[in-house]
Amino acid sequence: MATLAQLKDAVLLARKWGFVLAVDECYSEIYDSDAAKPAGALEACRELGGSYDNVVVFHSLSKRSSAPGLRSGFVAGDPKLIAPFARLRAYAGATIPSPILAASAALWRDEDHVTANRAAYRAKFDVAQGILGNRMGFYRPQGGFFLWLNVGDGEQAARALWEKAGIRVLPGAYLARPGADGINPGQPYIRVALVHDLEIVHDAMTRFSDLLTEA
């Protein structure tokens, strides 16, 4: 959820020092409110005069359209970077079959299902918020579909949730690394993905709350 000003600063730094700014925007169309709609790196380029020098962005149907099985997306930006990337893809990348390309094109053309997808995630966050309240450091993220909850010991909580409640979450420590002080900042947390349908999310959050409250 970087601001337009932050993205412009990043673009200017990339051009000043000659590095590539590769921006993962695969979650850019999943945001919690219309007021929280995120800026994009190519938007920052436009604000800076329109050149795409040193910048590429990555997009995917996996998150936008809930279609991870297609393994379909695109990269756009600096033509000087796209040309060698296209050459690399031609030699080292898997060719996407024509039926998948057709399905992908149909999904990119349609915005209605994306709007519905955002509404569905907002409803799931409503459920989680109603059940968890402000416990375990709960907060609604501006974008994405994950909860980060402070449970004291992420690994222990993940094991307990799987063994006793049939819920799989990811220990936060698995997505971080120890700092210079030897402390892993993700260790107290778990990451919860609200990706099932609303009924299952409600059931899972209820079981989740009961188990961790008891613990």
N, C-alpha and C. Protein backbone atom coordinates (compact mmCIF):
# COMPACT_ATOMS: atom_id res chain seq x y z
N MET A 1 0.83 -1.20 0.00
CA MET A 1 0.00 0.00 0.00
C MET A 1 0.87 1.25 0.00
N ALA A 2 1.95 1.22 -0.77
CA ALA A 2 2.81 2.40 -0.88
C ALA A 2 2.02 3.55 -1.50
N THR A 3 2.31 4.75 -1.02
CA THR A 3 1.65 5.94 -1.57
C THR A 3 2.27 6.31 -2.90
N LEU A 4 1.58 7.17 -3.64
CA LEU A 4 2.12 7.64 -4.91
C LEU A 4 3.44 8.37 -4.68
N ALA A 5 3.52 9.16 -3.61
CA ALA A 5 4.76 9.87 -3.31
C ALA A 5 5.91 8.90 -3.04
N GLN A 6 5.63 7.82 -2.30
CA GLN A 6 6.67 6.83 -2.02
C GLN A 6 7.13 6.14 -3.30
N LEU A 7 6.19 5.83 -4.18
CA LEU A 7 6.54 5.17 -5.43
C LEU A 7 7.36 6.10 -6.33
N LYS A 8 7.00 7.37 -6.37
CA LYS A 8 7.77 8.34 -7.15
C LYS A 8 9.20 8.46 -6.62
N ASP A 9 9.34 8.46 -5.30
CA ASP A 9 10.68 8.50 -4.71
C ASP A 9 11.48 7.27 -5.12
N ALA A 10 10.82 6.11 -5.11
CA ALA A 10 11.50 4.86 -5.48
C ALA A 10 11.94 4.88 -6.94
N VAL A 11 11.07 5.38 -7.81
CA VAL A 11 11.40 5.48 -9.24
C VAL A 11 12.61 6.41 -9.43
N LEU A 12 12.61 7.54 -8.77
CA LEU A 12 13.71 8.50 -8.90
C LEU A 12 15.02 7.90 -8.38
N LEU A 13 14.95 7.13 -7.29
CA LEU A 13 16.15 6.47 -6.78
C LEU A 13 16.69 5.45 -7.78
N ALA A 14 15.77 4.68 -8.40
CA ALA A 14 16.18 3.68 -9.38
C ALA A 14 16.91 4.34 -10.55
N ARG A 15 16.41 5.47 -10.98
CA ARG A 15 17.03 6.17 -12.11
C ARG A 15 18.33 6.85 -11.71
N LYS A 16 18.39 7.33 -10.48
CA LYS A 16 19.61 7.99 -10.02
C LYS A 16 20.77 7.01 -9.90
N TRP A 17 20.48 5.82 -9.37
CA TRP A 17 21.54 4.86 -9.08
C TRP A 17 21.60 3.70 -10.07
N GLY A 18 20.70 3.68 -11.04
CA GLY A 18 20.81 2.70 -12.12
C GLY A 18 20.36 1.29 -11.78
N PHE A 19 19.46 1.13 -10.80
CA PHE A 19 18.94 -0.21 -10.53
C PHE A 19 17.53 -0.36 -11.10
N VAL A 20 17.07 -1.60 -11.17
CA VAL A 20 15.73 -1.90 -11.69
C VAL A 20 14.75 -1.92 -10.53
N LEU A 21 13.66 -1.18 -10.67
CA LEU A 21 12.58 -1.22 -9.70
C LEU A 21 11.51 -2.17 -10.24
N ALA A 22 11.48 -3.38 -9.68
CA ALA A 22 10.51 -4.40 -10.10
C ALA A 22 9.41 -4.47 -9.05
N VAL A 23 8.21 -4.04 -9.40
CA VAL A 23 7.14 -3.86 -8.42
C VAL A 23 6.09 -4.97 -8.57
N ASP A 24 5.89 -5.72 -7.50
CA ASP A 24 4.86 -6.77 -7.48
C ASP A 24 3.51 -6.12 -7.17
N GLU A 25 2.64 -6.05 -8.19
CA GLU A 25 1.33 -5.43 -8.01
C GLU A 25 0.20 -6.46 -8.14
N CYS A 26 0.53 -7.72 -7.80
CA CYS A 26 -0.45 -8.79 -7.98
C CYS A 26 -1.67 -8.66 -7.06
N TYR A 27 -1.52 -7.93 -5.96
CA TYR A 27 -2.64 -7.71 -5.04
C TYR A 27 -3.29 -6.34 -5.22
N SER A 28 -2.90 -5.63 -6.27
CA SER A 28 -3.28 -4.21 -6.37
C SER A 28 -4.78 -3.98 -6.52
N GLU A 29 -5.53 -5.00 -6.91
CA GLU A 29 -6.97 -4.82 -7.08
C GLU A 29 -7.79 -5.43 -5.94
N ILE A 30 -7.09 -5.82 -4.86
CA ILE A 30 -7.78 -6.31 -3.67
C ILE A 30 -7.50 -5.32 -2.54
N TYR A 31 -8.42 -4.40 -2.34
CA TYR A 31 -8.25 -3.38 -1.30
C TYR A 31 -9.55 -3.26 -0.53
N ASP A 32 -9.43 -2.79 0.72
CA ASP A 32 -10.55 -2.89 1.66
C ASP A 32 -11.62 -1.83 1.47
N SER A 33 -11.29 -0.70 0.91
CA SER A 33 -12.29 0.35 0.67
C SER A 33 -11.88 1.14 -0.56
N ASP A 34 -12.85 1.78 -1.18
CA ASP A 34 -12.54 2.57 -2.37
C ASP A 34 -11.56 3.68 -2.06
N ALA A 35 -11.62 4.20 -0.82
CA ALA A 35 -10.69 5.25 -0.42
C ALA A 35 -9.26 4.73 -0.31
N ALA A 36 -9.12 3.40 -0.16
CA ALA A 36 -7.80 2.81 0.02
C ALA A 36 -7.22 2.27 -1.28
N LYS A 37 -7.84 2.58 -2.41
CA LYS A 37 -7.35 2.08 -3.70
C LYS A 37 -5.90 2.49 -3.88
N PRO A 38 -5.01 1.52 -4.11
CA PRO A 38 -3.58 1.84 -4.12
C PRO A 38 -3.11 2.50 -5.41
N ALA A 39 -2.03 3.24 -5.29
CA ALA A 39 -1.37 3.79 -6.47
C ALA A 39 -0.53 2.70 -7.12
N GLY A 40 -0.08 2.95 -8.34
CA GLY A 40 0.75 1.99 -9.05
C GLY A 40 2.05 2.62 -9.51
N ALA A 41 3.05 1.78 -9.76
CA ALA A 41 4.36 2.29 -10.16
C ALA A 41 4.31 2.97 -11.52
N LEU A 42 3.49 2.45 -12.45
CA LEU A 42 3.40 3.10 -13.75
C LEU A 42 2.66 4.43 -13.65
N GLU A 43 1.76 4.52 -12.68
CA GLU A 43 1.12 5.81 -12.40
C GLU A 43 2.16 6.81 -11.92
N ALA A 44 3.09 6.35 -11.09
CA ALA A 44 4.17 7.22 -10.63
C ALA A 44 5.03 7.67 -11.80
N CYS A 45 5.30 6.75 -12.74
CA CYS A 45 6.07 7.10 -13.93
C CYS A 45 5.36 8.18 -14.74
N ARG A 46 4.06 8.05 -14.87
CA ARG A 46 3.29 9.05 -15.62
C ARG A 46 3.39 10.41 -14.94
N GLU A 47 3.30 10.41 -13.61
CA GLU A 47 3.40 11.67 -12.86
C GLU A 47 4.77 12.32 -13.03
N LEU A 48 5.78 11.50 -13.30
CA LEU A 48 7.15 12.01 -13.44
C LEU A 48 7.51 12.34 -14.88
N GLY A 49 6.52 12.32 -15.76
CA GLY A 49 6.78 12.71 -17.14
C GLY A 49 6.47 11.66 -18.18
N GLY A 50 6.17 10.43 -17.75
CA GLY A 50 5.71 9.42 -18.70
C GLY A 50 6.72 8.35 -19.08
N SER A 51 8.00 8.54 -18.77
CA SER A 51 9.00 7.53 -19.10
C SER A 51 8.88 6.34 -18.15
N TYR A 52 9.07 5.13 -18.68
CA TYR A 52 9.06 3.92 -17.87
C TYR A 52 10.47 3.43 -17.53
N ASP A 53 11.47 4.26 -17.77
CA ASP A 53 12.85 3.85 -17.55
C ASP A 53 13.06 3.26 -16.16
N ASN A 54 13.73 2.10 -16.13
CA ASN A 54 14.15 1.41 -14.90
C ASN A 54 13.00 0.77 -14.12
N VAL A 55 11.78 0.74 -14.67
CA VAL A 55 10.63 0.27 -13.91
C VAL A 55 9.88 -0.83 -14.66
N VAL A 56 9.56 -1.91 -13.96
CA VAL A 56 8.64 -2.92 -14.48
C VAL A 56 7.66 -3.28 -13.37
N VAL A 57 6.44 -3.63 -13.76
CA VAL A 57 5.42 -4.07 -12.80
C VAL A 57 4.92 -5.45 -13.20
N PHE A 58 4.54 -6.23 -12.19
CA PHE A 58 4.03 -7.58 -12.40
C PHE A 58 2.59 -7.67 -11.93
N HIS A 59 1.75 -8.27 -12.76
CA HIS A 59 0.35 -8.48 -12.41
C HIS A 59 -0.01 -9.94 -12.66
N SER A 60 -1.06 -10.40 -11.98
CA SER A 60 -1.44 -11.80 -12.06
C SER A 60 -2.94 -11.96 -11.91
N LEU A 61 -3.47 -12.97 -12.57
CA LEU A 61 -4.89 -13.32 -12.40
C LEU A 61 -5.13 -14.13 -11.13
N SER A 62 -4.06 -14.63 -10.52
CA SER A 62 -4.21 -15.49 -9.35
C SER A 62 -4.97 -14.78 -8.24
N LYS A 63 -4.61 -13.52 -7.96
CA LYS A 63 -5.25 -12.77 -6.89
C LYS A 63 -6.44 -11.98 -7.41
N ARG A 64 -6.23 -11.23 -8.49
CA ARG A 64 -7.28 -10.36 -9.05
C ARG A 64 -8.56 -11.12 -9.33
N SER A 65 -8.42 -12.29 -9.95
CA SER A 65 -9.58 -13.05 -10.42
C SER A 65 -9.76 -14.37 -9.69
N SER A 66 -8.99 -14.59 -8.62
CA SER A 66 -9.05 -15.86 -7.88
C SER A 66 -8.87 -17.04 -8.82
N ALA A 67 -7.89 -16.93 -9.71
CA ALA A 67 -7.64 -17.98 -10.71
C ALA A 67 -6.18 -18.40 -10.68
N PRO A 68 -5.68 -18.89 -9.51
CA PRO A 68 -4.26 -19.24 -9.42
C PRO A 68 -3.88 -20.41 -10.32
N GLY A 69 -4.84 -21.27 -10.63
CA GLY A 69 -4.53 -22.43 -11.46
C GLY A 69 -4.14 -22.08 -12.89
N LEU A 70 -4.52 -20.90 -13.36
CA LEU A 70 -4.15 -20.51 -14.72
C LEU A 70 -2.66 -20.19 -14.84
N ARG A 71 -2.04 -19.78 -13.74
CA ARG A 71 -0.63 -19.37 -13.77
C ARG A 71 -0.42 -18.34 -14.86
N SER A 72 -1.27 -17.33 -14.88
CA SER A 72 -1.26 -16.37 -15.98
C SER A 72 -1.17 -14.95 -15.44
N GLY A 73 -0.32 -14.15 -16.06
CA GLY A 73 -0.17 -12.77 -15.66
C GLY A 73 0.59 -12.01 -16.73
N PHE A 74 1.08 -10.82 -16.39
CA PHE A 74 1.86 -10.07 -17.36
C PHE A 74 2.85 -9.17 -16.64
N VAL A 75 3.86 -8.75 -17.38
CA VAL A 75 4.83 -7.77 -16.90
C VAL A 75 4.83 -6.62 -17.89
N ALA A 76 4.90 -5.39 -17.38
CA ALA A 76 4.87 -4.21 -18.24
C ALA A 76 5.85 -3.18 -17.70
N GLY A 77 6.31 -2.31 -18.60
CA GLY A 77 7.20 -1.25 -18.14
C GLY A 77 8.23 -0.89 -19.18
N ASP A 78 9.45 -0.65 -18.73
CA ASP A 78 10.55 -0.17 -19.54
C ASP A 78 10.81 -1.10 -20.73
N PRO A 79 10.64 -0.61 -21.97
CA PRO A 79 10.88 -1.47 -23.15
C PRO A 79 12.28 -2.07 -23.16
N LYS A 80 13.26 -1.35 -22.63
CA LYS A 80 14.63 -1.87 -22.62
C LYS A 80 14.77 -3.07 -21.70
N LEU A 81 13.89 -3.19 -20.71
CA LEU A 81 13.89 -4.35 -19.82
C LEU A 81 12.97 -5.46 -20.34
N ILE A 82 11.87 -5.06 -20.96
CA ILE A 82 10.91 -6.04 -21.46
C ILE A 82 11.52 -6.88 -22.59
N ALA A 83 12.32 -6.26 -23.45
CA ALA A 83 12.89 -6.99 -24.60
C ALA A 83 13.74 -8.18 -24.17
N PRO A 84 14.72 -8.02 -23.28
CA PRO A 84 15.48 -9.21 -22.86
C PRO A 84 14.64 -10.18 -22.03
N PHE A 85 13.67 -9.64 -21.30
CA PHE A 85 12.79 -10.53 -20.53
C PHE A 85 11.98 -11.42 -21.47
N ALA A 86 11.47 -10.83 -22.55
CA ALA A 86 10.71 -11.61 -23.54
C ALA A 86 11.60 -12.67 -24.18
N ARG A 87 12.86 -12.32 -24.43
CA ARG A 87 13.79 -13.30 -25.00
C ARG A 87 14.04 -14.44 -24.01
N LEU A 88 14.22 -14.10 -22.74
CA LEU A 88 14.39 -15.14 -21.71
C LEU A 88 13.17 -16.05 -21.67
N ARG A 89 11.98 -15.46 -21.69
CA ARG A 89 10.75 -16.26 -21.66
C ARG A 89 10.68 -17.20 -22.87
N ALA A 90 11.11 -16.72 -24.02
CA ALA A 90 11.03 -17.53 -25.23
C ALA A 90 11.88 -18.79 -25.12
N TYR A 91 12.99 -18.71 -24.40
CA TYR A 91 13.90 -19.85 -24.29
C TYR A 91 13.68 -20.66 -23.01
N ALA A 92 13.33 -19.99 -21.93
CA ALA A 92 13.32 -20.67 -20.64
C ALA A 92 11.95 -20.77 -20.00
N GLY A 93 10.95 -20.12 -20.55
CA GLY A 93 9.63 -20.13 -19.92
C GLY A 93 8.70 -21.14 -20.58
N ALA A 94 7.72 -21.59 -19.81
CA ALA A 94 6.72 -22.52 -20.35
C ALA A 94 5.72 -21.73 -21.21
N THR A 95 5.40 -22.28 -22.37
CA THR A 95 4.42 -21.64 -23.24
C THR A 95 3.02 -21.83 -22.66
N ILE A 96 2.23 -20.76 -22.66
CA ILE A 96 0.86 -20.83 -22.15
C ILE A 96 -0.06 -21.34 -23.27
N PRO A 97 -0.81 -22.41 -23.04
CA PRO A 97 -1.69 -22.95 -24.08
C PRO A 97 -2.75 -21.94 -24.51
N SER A 98 -3.17 -22.04 -25.75
CA SER A 98 -4.14 -21.10 -26.31
C SER A 98 -5.44 -21.03 -25.52
N PRO A 99 -6.02 -22.15 -25.04
CA PRO A 99 -7.26 -22.04 -24.25
C PRO A 99 -7.08 -21.20 -22.98
N ILE A 100 -5.89 -21.33 -22.34
CA ILE A 100 -5.64 -20.54 -21.14
C ILE A 100 -5.45 -19.07 -21.50
N LEU A 101 -4.81 -18.80 -22.62
CA LEU A 101 -4.69 -17.41 -23.07
C LEU A 101 -6.06 -16.80 -23.34
N ALA A 102 -6.95 -17.57 -23.93
CA ALA A 102 -8.30 -17.08 -24.21
C ALA A 102 -9.06 -16.80 -22.92
N ALA A 103 -8.94 -17.72 -21.96
CA ALA A 103 -9.60 -17.51 -20.66
C ALA A 103 -9.00 -16.29 -19.95
N SER A 104 -7.70 -16.15 -20.06
CA SER A 104 -7.03 -15.00 -19.43
C SER A 104 -7.52 -13.69 -20.03
N ALA A 105 -7.59 -13.64 -21.35
CA ALA A 105 -8.04 -12.42 -22.02
C ALA A 105 -9.46 -12.06 -21.59
N ALA A 106 -10.31 -13.08 -21.44
CA ALA A 106 -11.70 -12.82 -21.02
C ALA A 106 -11.73 -12.26 -19.60
N LEU A 107 -10.88 -12.77 -18.72
CA LEU A 107 -10.84 -12.28 -17.34
C LEU A 107 -10.29 -10.85 -17.28
N TRP A 108 -9.25 -10.56 -18.06
CA TRP A 108 -8.70 -9.20 -18.05
C TRP A 108 -9.72 -8.19 -18.58
N ARG A 109 -10.58 -8.61 -19.49
CA ARG A 109 -11.57 -7.68 -20.06
C ARG A 109 -12.71 -7.38 -19.10
N ASP A 110 -12.94 -8.26 -18.12
CA ASP A 110 -14.11 -8.13 -17.26
C ASP A 110 -13.73 -7.54 -15.91
N GLU A 111 -14.44 -6.50 -15.49
CA GLU A 111 -14.18 -5.88 -14.19
C GLU A 111 -15.25 -6.24 -13.16
N ASP A 112 -16.39 -6.73 -13.61
CA ASP A 112 -17.49 -7.00 -12.67
C ASP A 112 -17.10 -8.05 -11.64
N HIS A 113 -16.43 -9.10 -12.09
CA HIS A 113 -16.06 -10.15 -11.14
C HIS A 113 -14.98 -9.68 -10.16
N VAL A 114 -14.18 -8.70 -10.57
CA VAL A 114 -13.15 -8.15 -9.69
C VAL A 114 -13.82 -7.34 -8.57
N THR A 115 -14.83 -6.56 -8.94
CA THR A 115 -15.58 -5.81 -7.94
C THR A 115 -16.26 -6.75 -6.96
N ALA A 116 -16.84 -7.83 -7.48
CA ALA A 116 -17.49 -8.82 -6.61
C ALA A 116 -16.47 -9.50 -5.70
N ASN A 117 -15.29 -9.74 -6.23
CA ASN A 117 -14.22 -10.37 -5.45
C ASN A 117 -13.81 -9.49 -4.27
N ARG A 118 -13.67 -8.20 -4.53
CA ARG A 118 -13.34 -7.26 -3.45
C ARG A 118 -14.42 -7.25 -2.37
N ALA A 119 -15.69 -7.24 -2.82
CA ALA A 119 -16.81 -7.23 -1.87
C ALA A 119 -16.80 -8.50 -1.02
N ALA A 120 -16.46 -9.63 -1.62
CA ALA A 120 -16.42 -10.89 -0.88
C ALA A 120 -15.33 -10.86 0.19
N TYR A 121 -14.17 -10.32 -0.14
CA TYR A 121 -13.10 -10.23 0.86
C TYR A 121 -13.48 -9.27 1.98
N ARG A 122 -14.14 -8.18 1.65
CA ARG A 122 -14.57 -7.24 2.68
C ARG A 122 -15.55 -7.92 3.65
N ALA A 123 -16.43 -8.74 3.10
CA ALA A 123 -17.38 -9.46 3.95
C ALA A 123 -16.66 -10.44 4.88
N LYS A 124 -15.60 -11.05 4.38
CA LYS A 124 -14.84 -11.99 5.22
C LYS A 124 -14.11 -11.25 6.33
N PHE A 125 -13.58 -10.09 6.02
CA PHE A 125 -12.94 -9.28 7.07
C PHE A 125 -13.97 -8.83 8.10
N ASP A 126 -15.20 -8.55 7.65
CA ASP A 126 -16.27 -8.19 8.59
C ASP A 126 -16.51 -9.32 9.57
N VAL A 127 -16.56 -10.55 9.05
CA VAL A 127 -16.78 -11.72 9.89
C VAL A 127 -15.64 -11.87 10.90
N ALA A 128 -14.41 -11.80 10.40
CA ALA A 128 -13.25 -11.96 11.29
C ALA A 128 -13.23 -10.88 12.36
N GLN A 129 -13.54 -9.66 11.96
CA GLN A 129 -13.53 -8.55 12.91
C GLN A 129 -14.62 -8.73 13.97
N GLY A 130 -15.79 -9.20 13.54
CA GLY A 130 -16.88 -9.41 14.48
C GLY A 130 -16.58 -10.49 15.50
N ILE A 131 -15.83 -11.51 15.10
CA ILE A 131 -15.52 -12.63 16.01
C ILE A 131 -14.29 -12.33 16.86
N LEU A 132 -13.27 -11.76 16.26
CA LEU A 132 -12.01 -11.55 16.98
C LEU A 132 -11.97 -10.23 17.74
N GLY A 133 -12.73 -9.24 17.27
CA GLY A 133 -12.68 -7.93 17.91
C GLY A 133 -11.29 -7.34 17.82
N ASN A 134 -10.79 -6.85 18.95
CA ASN A 134 -9.44 -6.28 18.94
C ASN A 134 -8.42 -7.19 19.62
N ARG A 135 -8.76 -8.46 19.73
CA ARG A 135 -7.84 -9.40 20.34
C ARG A 135 -6.70 -9.76 19.40
N MET A 136 -5.58 -10.16 19.98
CA MET A 136 -4.40 -10.63 19.23
C MET A 136 -3.91 -9.60 18.23
N GLY A 137 -4.14 -8.33 18.53
CA GLY A 137 -3.65 -7.28 17.65
C GLY A 137 -4.38 -7.21 16.32
N PHE A 138 -5.63 -7.68 16.29
CA PHE A 138 -6.38 -7.69 15.04
C PHE A 138 -6.50 -6.27 14.45
N TYR A 139 -6.27 -6.17 13.16
CA TYR A 139 -6.55 -4.94 12.44
C TYR A 139 -6.90 -5.30 11.00
N ARG A 140 -7.68 -4.45 10.35
CA ARG A 140 -8.04 -4.69 8.95
C ARG A 140 -6.95 -4.10 8.06
N PRO A 141 -6.31 -4.93 7.25
CA PRO A 141 -5.29 -4.40 6.35
C PRO A 141 -5.94 -3.59 5.24
N GLN A 142 -5.20 -2.63 4.71
CA GLN A 142 -5.72 -1.83 3.60
C GLN A 142 -5.87 -2.66 2.33
N GLY A 143 -5.03 -3.67 2.18
CA GLY A 143 -5.09 -4.49 0.97
C GLY A 143 -4.76 -5.93 1.27
N GLY A 144 -4.98 -6.80 0.27
CA GLY A 144 -4.70 -8.21 0.45
C GLY A 144 -5.82 -8.94 1.18
N PHE A 145 -5.57 -10.22 1.50
CA PHE A 145 -6.61 -11.01 2.18
C PHE A 145 -6.06 -11.79 3.36
N PHE A 146 -5.01 -11.24 4.00
CA PHE A 146 -4.39 -11.92 5.12
C PHE A 146 -4.64 -11.18 6.43
N LEU A 147 -4.74 -11.95 7.51
CA LEU A 147 -4.68 -11.42 8.87
C LEU A 147 -3.31 -11.76 9.46
N TRP A 148 -2.73 -10.80 10.19
CA TRP A 148 -1.51 -11.06 10.96
C TRP A 148 -1.89 -10.92 12.43
N LEU A 149 -1.82 -12.01 13.16
CA LEU A 149 -2.28 -12.02 14.54
C LEU A 149 -1.15 -12.39 15.48
N ASN A 150 -1.06 -11.65 16.56
CA ASN A 150 -0.03 -11.88 17.56
C ASN A 150 -0.54 -12.92 18.56
N VAL A 151 0.01 -14.13 18.48
CA VAL A 151 -0.44 -15.23 19.33
C VAL A 151 0.65 -15.68 20.30
N GLY A 152 1.73 -14.91 20.38
CA GLY A 152 2.80 -15.24 21.32
C GLY A 152 3.87 -16.13 20.72
N ASP A 153 3.46 -17.26 20.15
CA ASP A 153 4.38 -18.22 19.51
C ASP A 153 3.68 -18.74 18.26
N GLY A 154 4.10 -18.26 17.10
CA GLY A 154 3.43 -18.60 15.85
C GLY A 154 3.46 -20.08 15.52
N GLU A 155 4.60 -20.73 15.74
CA GLU A 155 4.70 -22.15 15.43
C GLU A 155 3.81 -22.98 16.34
N GLN A 156 3.84 -22.68 17.61
CA GLN A 156 3.02 -23.43 18.57
C GLN A 156 1.53 -23.25 18.25
N ALA A 157 1.12 -22.02 17.94
CA ALA A 157 -0.28 -21.76 17.63
C ALA A 157 -0.69 -22.46 16.34
N ALA A 158 0.18 -22.43 15.33
CA ALA A 158 -0.13 -23.08 14.05
C ALA A 158 -0.32 -24.58 14.24
N ARG A 159 0.54 -25.18 15.05
CA ARG A 159 0.42 -26.63 15.32
C ARG A 159 -0.88 -26.94 16.05
N ALA A 160 -1.21 -26.12 17.04
CA ALA A 160 -2.43 -26.36 17.82
C ALA A 160 -3.67 -26.20 16.96
N LEU A 161 -3.68 -25.18 16.12
CA LEU A 161 -4.85 -24.95 15.26
C LEU A 161 -5.06 -26.11 14.28
N TRP A 162 -3.97 -26.65 13.76
CA TRP A 162 -4.08 -27.76 12.81
C TRP A 162 -4.51 -29.04 13.52
N GLU A 163 -3.94 -29.32 14.67
CA GLU A 163 -4.22 -30.58 15.37
C GLU A 163 -5.59 -30.58 16.03
N LYS A 164 -6.01 -29.43 16.57
CA LYS A 164 -7.23 -29.41 17.38
C LYS A 164 -8.44 -28.78 16.70
N ALA A 165 -8.19 -27.99 15.66
CA ALA A 165 -9.32 -27.31 15.02
C ALA A 165 -9.39 -27.52 13.51
N GLY A 166 -8.41 -28.23 12.94
CA GLY A 166 -8.41 -28.48 11.50
C GLY A 166 -8.22 -27.21 10.68
N ILE A 167 -7.50 -26.25 11.23
CA ILE A 167 -7.27 -24.98 10.54
C ILE A 167 -5.78 -24.84 10.27
N ARG A 168 -5.44 -24.54 9.03
CA ARG A 168 -4.03 -24.37 8.66
C ARG A 168 -3.70 -22.89 8.51
N VAL A 169 -2.71 -22.45 9.23
CA VAL A 169 -2.19 -21.09 9.12
C VAL A 169 -0.68 -21.18 8.97
N LEU A 170 -0.05 -20.07 8.68
CA LEU A 170 1.40 -20.06 8.49
C LEU A 170 2.07 -19.30 9.63
N PRO A 171 3.05 -19.92 10.30
CA PRO A 171 3.79 -19.17 11.32
C PRO A 171 4.49 -17.96 10.71
N GLY A 172 4.38 -16.84 11.39
CA GLY A 172 4.98 -15.62 10.86
C GLY A 172 6.48 -15.72 10.69
N ALA A 173 7.14 -16.51 11.53
CA ALA A 173 8.59 -16.65 11.45
C ALA A 173 9.04 -17.26 10.13
N TYR A 174 8.13 -17.99 9.47
CA TYR A 174 8.49 -18.61 8.19
C TYR A 174 8.56 -17.58 7.07
N LEU A 175 8.08 -16.37 7.33
CA LEU A 175 8.08 -15.32 6.31
C LEU A 175 9.00 -14.17 6.71
N ALA A 176 9.88 -14.41 7.64
CA ALA A 176 10.83 -13.39 8.08
C ALA A 176 12.15 -14.08 8.41
N ARG A 177 13.12 -13.29 8.80
CA ARG A 177 14.41 -13.85 9.19
C ARG A 177 14.94 -13.04 10.38
N PRO A 178 15.78 -13.65 11.19
CA PRO A 178 16.30 -12.93 12.36
C PRO A 178 17.08 -11.68 11.96
N GLY A 179 16.94 -10.64 12.77
CA GLY A 179 17.70 -9.42 12.56
C GLY A 179 19.08 -9.54 13.18
N ALA A 180 19.79 -8.42 13.22
CA ALA A 180 21.14 -8.42 13.78
C ALA A 180 21.13 -8.82 15.25
N ASP A 181 19.99 -8.61 15.90
CA ASP A 181 19.87 -8.97 17.32
C ASP A 181 19.51 -10.44 17.53
N GLY A 182 19.37 -11.19 16.41
CA GLY A 182 19.04 -12.60 16.51
C GLY A 182 17.57 -12.89 16.69
N ILE A 183 16.74 -11.86 16.72
CA ILE A 183 15.31 -12.02 16.95
C ILE A 183 14.56 -12.03 15.61
N ASN A 184 13.71 -13.02 15.41
CA ASN A 184 12.87 -13.08 14.22
C ASN A 184 11.59 -12.28 14.52
N PRO A 185 11.36 -11.18 13.80
CA PRO A 185 10.20 -10.33 14.12
C PRO A 185 8.87 -11.00 13.85
N GLY A 186 8.85 -12.07 13.06
CA GLY A 186 7.60 -12.75 12.78
C GLY A 186 7.25 -13.84 13.77
N GLN A 187 8.14 -14.13 14.70
CA GLN A 187 7.97 -15.27 15.60
C GLN A 187 6.66 -15.25 16.38
N PRO A 188 6.18 -14.09 16.88
CA PRO A 188 4.95 -14.12 17.68
C PRO A 188 3.68 -14.25 16.84
N TYR A 189 3.80 -14.19 15.51
CA TYR A 189 2.62 -14.03 14.66
C TYR A 189 2.25 -15.30 13.90
N ILE A 190 1.00 -15.31 13.45
CA ILE A 190 0.56 -16.25 12.43
C ILE A 190 -0.10 -15.45 11.31
N ARG A 191 -0.01 -16.01 10.10
CA ARG A 191 -0.69 -15.40 8.96
C ARG A 191 -1.90 -16.25 8.61
N VAL A 192 -3.06 -15.60 8.57
CA VAL A 192 -4.32 -16.29 8.29
C VAL A 192 -4.85 -15.80 6.95
N ALA A 193 -5.07 -16.71 6.01
CA ALA A 193 -5.57 -16.35 4.69
C ALA A 193 -7.09 -16.54 4.64
N LEU A 194 -7.82 -15.46 4.40
CA LEU A 194 -9.29 -15.52 4.34
C LEU A 194 -9.73 -15.80 2.91
N VAL A 195 -9.47 -17.02 2.45
CA VAL A 195 -9.68 -17.34 1.04
C VAL A 195 -10.84 -18.32 0.78
N HIS A 196 -11.41 -18.90 1.84
CA HIS A 196 -12.54 -19.80 1.63
C HIS A 196 -13.83 -18.99 1.53
N ASP A 197 -14.94 -19.70 1.27
CA ASP A 197 -16.22 -18.99 1.19
C ASP A 197 -16.63 -18.50 2.57
N LEU A 198 -17.63 -17.63 2.59
CA LEU A 198 -17.99 -16.92 3.81
C LEU A 198 -18.39 -17.86 4.94
N GLU A 199 -19.14 -18.91 4.62
CA GLU A 199 -19.60 -19.85 5.65
C GLU A 199 -18.42 -20.55 6.32
N ILE A 200 -17.46 -20.98 5.50
CA ILE A 200 -16.28 -21.67 6.05
C ILE A 200 -15.43 -20.71 6.86
N VAL A 201 -15.28 -19.47 6.38
CA VAL A 201 -14.51 -18.47 7.13
C VAL A 201 -15.15 -18.23 8.49
N HIS A 202 -16.48 -18.15 8.54
CA HIS A 202 -17.18 -17.93 9.81
C HIS A 202 -16.93 -19.10 10.76
N ASP A 203 -17.05 -20.31 10.26
CA ASP A 203 -16.82 -21.50 11.09
C ASP A 203 -15.38 -21.55 11.58
N ALA A 204 -14.44 -21.27 10.66
CA ALA A 204 -13.02 -21.34 11.02
C ALA A 204 -12.66 -20.27 12.04
N MET A 205 -13.18 -19.06 11.86
CA MET A 205 -12.87 -17.98 12.80
C MET A 205 -13.46 -18.27 14.19
N THR A 206 -14.62 -18.90 14.21
CA THR A 206 -15.23 -19.27 15.50
C THR A 206 -14.37 -20.30 16.22
N ARG A 207 -13.97 -21.35 15.49
CA ARG A 207 -13.11 -22.38 16.09
C ARG A 207 -11.75 -21.79 16.50
N PHE A 208 -11.23 -20.95 15.64
CA PHE A 208 -9.97 -20.28 15.89
C PHE A 208 -10.04 -19.48 17.18
N SER A 209 -11.09 -18.68 17.33
CA SER A 209 -11.25 -17.83 18.51
C SER A 209 -11.40 -18.68 19.77
N ASP A 210 -12.22 -19.71 19.68
CA ASP A 210 -12.44 -20.56 20.86
C ASP A 210 -11.16 -21.23 21.32
N LEU A 211 -10.38 -21.75 20.36
CA LEU A 211 -9.18 -22.47 20.73
C LEU A 211 -8.12 -21.54 21.32
N LEU A 212 -7.87 -20.43 20.65
CA LEU A 212 -6.81 -19.53 21.11
C LEU A 212 -7.21 -18.80 22.39
N THR A 213 -8.51 -18.55 22.56
CA THR A 213 -8.96 -17.93 23.81
C THR A 213 -8.73 -18.91 24.96
N GLU A 214 -9.06 -20.17 24.71
CA GLU A 214 -8.83 -21.21 25.73
C GLU A 214 -7.36 -21.33 26.05
N ALA A 215 -6.51 -21.27 24.99
CA ALA A 215 -5.06 -21.40 25.20
C ALA A 215 -4.51 -20.21 25.96
